[in-house]
Amino acid sequence: MKYQYRTSGTCSQAIEFELNEDKTLGDVTFYGGCNGNLKGISALVKGLPAQEVVNRLKGIRCGMKATSCPDQLAQALSQVLSQQ
């Protein structure tokens, strides 16, 4: 199933991601932000269990910001997982 999450506190404005029936990640697309870095993150998390991605990315900060694009992905996944 595809989900879209509006980010907050980052250069990216939104994240679109697929969560497969077995709760692994499919395609992940960030809109805005550091294009190359975010494509790299998307490639690295594809196929991983969503909860593992949350555990790895939650709390990562970008400079002096309270969050980051990876942290926002973790928040988006946590939100979806908690609703299932």
Protein backbone atom coordinates (compact mmCIF):
# COMPACT_ATOMS: atom_id res chain seq x y z
CA MET A 1 0.00 0.00 0.00
CA LYS A 2 1.26 3.52 -0.79
CA TYR A 3 1.39 6.27 1.80
CA GLN A 4 2.27 9.94 1.67
CA TYR A 5 3.61 11.86 4.66
CA ARG A 6 3.99 15.63 4.91
CA THR A 7 7.33 16.34 6.55
CA SER A 8 8.01 19.03 9.12
CA GLY A 9 11.26 20.81 9.99
CA THR A 10 13.23 19.54 7.00
CA CYS A 11 14.18 20.66 3.50
CA SER A 12 12.04 17.91 2.00
CA GLN A 13 8.33 18.65 1.89
CA ALA A 14 6.91 15.13 1.65
CA ILE A 15 7.75 11.44 1.56
CA GLU A 16 5.90 8.83 -0.46
CA PHE A 17 6.52 5.19 0.40
CA GLU A 18 5.18 1.70 -0.18
CA LEU A 19 4.62 -0.67 2.72
CA ASN A 20 4.31 -4.26 1.54
CA GLU A 21 1.98 -6.81 3.14
CA ASP A 22 4.94 -8.34 5.00
CA LYS A 23 5.70 -4.86 6.45
CA THR A 24 8.85 -4.37 4.38
CA LEU A 25 9.48 -1.15 2.52
CA GLY A 26 9.01 -0.87 -1.21
CA ASP A 27 9.84 2.30 -3.11
CA VAL A 28 10.55 5.43 -1.06
CA THR A 29 10.51 8.88 -2.68
CA PHE A 30 11.39 12.16 -0.96
CA TYR A 31 10.12 15.42 -2.46
CA GLY A 32 12.59 18.25 -2.02
CA GLY A 33 15.72 18.03 0.10
CA CYS A 34 19.19 16.81 -0.82
CA ASN A 35 18.44 14.78 -3.94
CA GLY A 36 21.46 12.46 -4.00
CA ASN A 37 21.48 11.73 -0.27
CA LEU A 38 17.77 11.02 -0.20
CA LYS A 39 17.99 8.72 -3.22
CA GLY A 40 20.74 6.87 -1.36
CA ILE A 41 18.62 6.52 1.78
CA SER A 42 15.71 5.30 -0.34
CA ALA A 43 17.87 2.64 -1.98
CA LEU A 44 19.33 1.49 1.35
CA VAL A 45 15.97 1.02 3.12
CA LYS A 46 14.15 -0.69 0.25
CA GLY A 47 13.29 -4.27 1.21
CA LEU A 48 14.01 -3.80 4.92
CA PRO A 49 11.41 -4.42 7.62
CA ALA A 50 9.72 -1.11 8.45
CA GLN A 51 10.34 -1.47 12.18
CA GLU A 52 14.06 -1.99 11.57
CA VAL A 53 14.13 1.22 9.50
CA VAL A 54 12.38 3.07 12.35
CA ASN A 55 14.91 1.72 14.87
CA ARG A 56 17.87 2.77 12.71
CA LEU A 57 16.67 6.23 11.63
CA LYS A 58 14.66 7.54 14.58
CA GLY A 59 16.28 10.51 16.29
CA ILE A 60 18.81 11.38 13.57
CA ARG A 61 19.26 15.13 13.43
CA CYS A 62 20.34 17.41 10.58
CA GLY A 63 22.76 20.03 11.91
CA MET A 64 21.05 22.07 14.59
CA LYS A 65 17.54 20.99 13.52
CA ALA A 66 15.52 18.81 15.88
CA THR A 67 14.84 16.34 13.06
CA SER A 68 16.10 15.20 9.65
CA CYS A 69 14.73 13.59 6.51
CA PRO A 70 15.65 10.10 7.79
CA ASP A 71 14.00 10.89 11.14
CA GLN A 72 10.89 12.08 9.30
CA LEU A 73 10.76 8.76 7.43
CA ALA A 74 10.99 6.96 10.78
CA GLN A 75 8.13 9.09 12.13
CA ALA A 76 6.01 8.38 9.05
CA LEU A 77 6.59 4.63 9.34
CA SER A 78 5.88 4.66 13.08
CA GLN A 79 2.59 6.40 12.44
CA VAL A 80 1.52 3.85 9.81
CA LEU A 81 2.67 0.85 11.87
CA SER A 82 0.78 2.06 14.94
CA GLN A 83 -2.44 2.24 12.90
CA GLN A 84 -2.17 -1.37 11.76
